[in-house]
Amino acid sequence: MESTEDPDDLGVVEVPTTLTCVDCGGTCHLLTTPFADDGEVGFRPGDVVAYRCADCLDRWDVVVE
């Protein structure tokens, strides 16, 4: 079933700047730059944000909800 909601109407979602790596337990840092529109800065539902682990160098792509 297709969603009828417009992602632009869902508002800004804040994402953490770091995550714990599920592979090694290290710290993953946010790589993706947030948008800056009309004075708002952040991400919207459906955006894909990337993180890189400082220890094992794995990359994680996460879909914002």
C-alpha atoms as a PDB file:
ATOM      1  CA  MET A   1       0.000   0.000   0.000  1.00  0.00           C
ATOM      2  CA  GLU A   2       1.387   3.398  -0.962  1.00  0.00           C
ATOM      3  CA  SER A   3       1.654   6.168   1.634  1.00  0.00           C
ATOM      4  CA  THR A   4      -0.398   9.297   0.990  1.00  0.00           C
ATOM      5  CA  GLU A   5       1.680  11.447   3.345  1.00  0.00           C
ATOM      6  CA  ASP A   6       4.032  14.012   1.846  1.00  0.00           C
ATOM      7  CA  PRO A   7       7.508  13.671   3.466  1.00  0.00           C
ATOM      8  CA  ASP A   8       7.874  17.468   3.350  1.00  0.00           C
ATOM      9  CA  ASP A   9       4.842  17.790   5.654  1.00  0.00           C
ATOM     10  CA  LEU A  10       6.252  15.456   8.310  1.00  0.00           C
ATOM     11  CA  GLY A  11       8.684  17.970   9.769  1.00  0.00           C
ATOM     12  CA  VAL A  12      12.312  17.867  10.713  1.00  0.00           C
ATOM     13  CA  VAL A  13      13.789  14.792  12.389  1.00  0.00           C
ATOM     14  CA  GLU A  14      16.937  15.083  14.458  1.00  0.00           C
ATOM     15  CA  VAL A  15      19.379  12.208  14.155  1.00  0.00           C
ATOM     16  CA  PRO A  16      22.206  11.352  16.552  1.00  0.00           C
ATOM     17  CA  THR A  17      25.707  12.443  15.574  1.00  0.00           C
ATOM     18  CA  THR A  18      27.106   9.103  16.791  1.00  0.00           C
ATOM     19  CA  LEU A  19      25.878   5.504  16.970  1.00  0.00           C
ATOM     20  CA  THR A  20      27.348   2.347  18.455  1.00  0.00           C
ATOM     21  CA  CYS A  21      28.652   0.008  15.753  1.00  0.00           C
ATOM     22  CA  VAL A  22      26.755  -3.288  15.807  1.00  0.00           C
ATOM     23  CA  ASP A  23      29.791  -5.127  14.401  1.00  0.00           C
ATOM     24  CA  CYS A  24      32.581  -4.057  16.755  1.00  0.00           C
ATOM     25  CA  GLY A  25      31.035  -1.821  19.437  1.00  0.00           C
ATOM     26  CA  GLY A  26      33.014   1.219  18.283  1.00  0.00           C
ATOM     27  CA  THR A  27      31.660   4.700  17.632  1.00  0.00           C
ATOM     28  CA  CYS A  28      30.051   5.494  14.275  1.00  0.00           C
ATOM     29  CA  HIS A  29      30.074   9.166  13.267  1.00  0.00           C
ATOM     30  CA  LEU A  30      27.499  10.878  11.057  1.00  0.00           C
ATOM     31  CA  LEU A  31      28.800  11.543   7.514  1.00  0.00           C
ATOM     32  CA  THR A  32      25.680  13.060   5.922  1.00  0.00           C
ATOM     33  CA  THR A  33      25.170  16.821   6.002  1.00  0.00           C
ATOM     34  CA  PRO A  34      21.653  17.900   7.039  1.00  0.00           C
ATOM     35  CA  PHE A  35      19.555  20.063   4.740  1.00  0.00           C
ATOM     36  CA  ALA A  36      19.028  23.746   5.525  1.00  0.00           C
ATOM     37  CA  ASP A  37      15.704  25.065   4.147  1.00  0.00           C
ATOM     38  CA  ASP A  38      13.644  28.021   5.338  1.00  0.00           C
ATOM     39  CA  GLY A  39      15.575  28.302   8.589  1.00  0.00           C
ATOM     40  CA  GLU A  40      15.141  24.604   9.404  1.00  0.00           C
ATOM     41  CA  VAL A  41      18.141  22.321   9.639  1.00  0.00           C
ATOM     42  CA  GLY A  42      17.880  18.546   9.847  1.00  0.00           C
ATOM     43  CA  PHE A  43      16.570  15.499   8.054  1.00  0.00           C
ATOM     44  CA  ARG A  44      13.134  14.382   6.881  1.00  0.00           C
ATOM     45  CA  PRO A  45      11.510  10.954   7.117  1.00  0.00           C
ATOM     46  CA  GLY A  46      12.727   8.859   4.198  1.00  0.00           C
ATOM     47  CA  ASP A  47      16.151  10.518   4.018  1.00  0.00           C
ATOM     48  CA  VAL A  48      19.135   8.171   4.066  1.00  0.00           C
ATOM     49  CA  VAL A  49      21.954   9.144   6.423  1.00  0.00           C
ATOM     50  CA  ALA A  50      25.394   7.532   6.462  1.00  0.00           C
ATOM     51  CA  TYR A  51      27.625   6.738   9.426  1.00  0.00           C
ATOM     52  CA  ARG A  52      31.230   5.444   9.474  1.00  0.00           C
ATOM     53  CA  CYS A  53      32.735   3.476  12.353  1.00  0.00           C
ATOM     54  CA  ALA A  54      35.972   4.989  13.665  1.00  0.00           C
ATOM     55  CA  ASP A  55      37.261   1.569  14.752  1.00  0.00           C
ATOM     56  CA  CYS A  56      36.396  -0.969  12.027  1.00  0.00           C
ATOM     57  CA  LEU A  57      35.591   1.571   9.256  1.00  0.00           C
ATOM     58  CA  ASP A  58      32.253  -0.093   8.420  1.00  0.00           C
ATOM     59  CA  ARG A  59      29.708   2.217   6.819  1.00  0.00           C
ATOM     60  CA  TRP A  60      26.071   2.200   7.917  1.00  0.00           C
ATOM     61  CA  ASP A  61      23.288   3.703   5.811  1.00  0.00           C
ATOM     62  CA  VAL A  62      20.189   4.372   7.890  1.00  0.00           C
ATOM     63  CA  VAL A  63      16.730   5.430   6.651  1.00  0.00           C
ATOM     64  CA  VAL A  64      15.234   8.196   8.810  1.00  0.00           C
ATOM     65  CA  GLU A  65      11.711   7.488  10.079  1.00  0.00           C
END
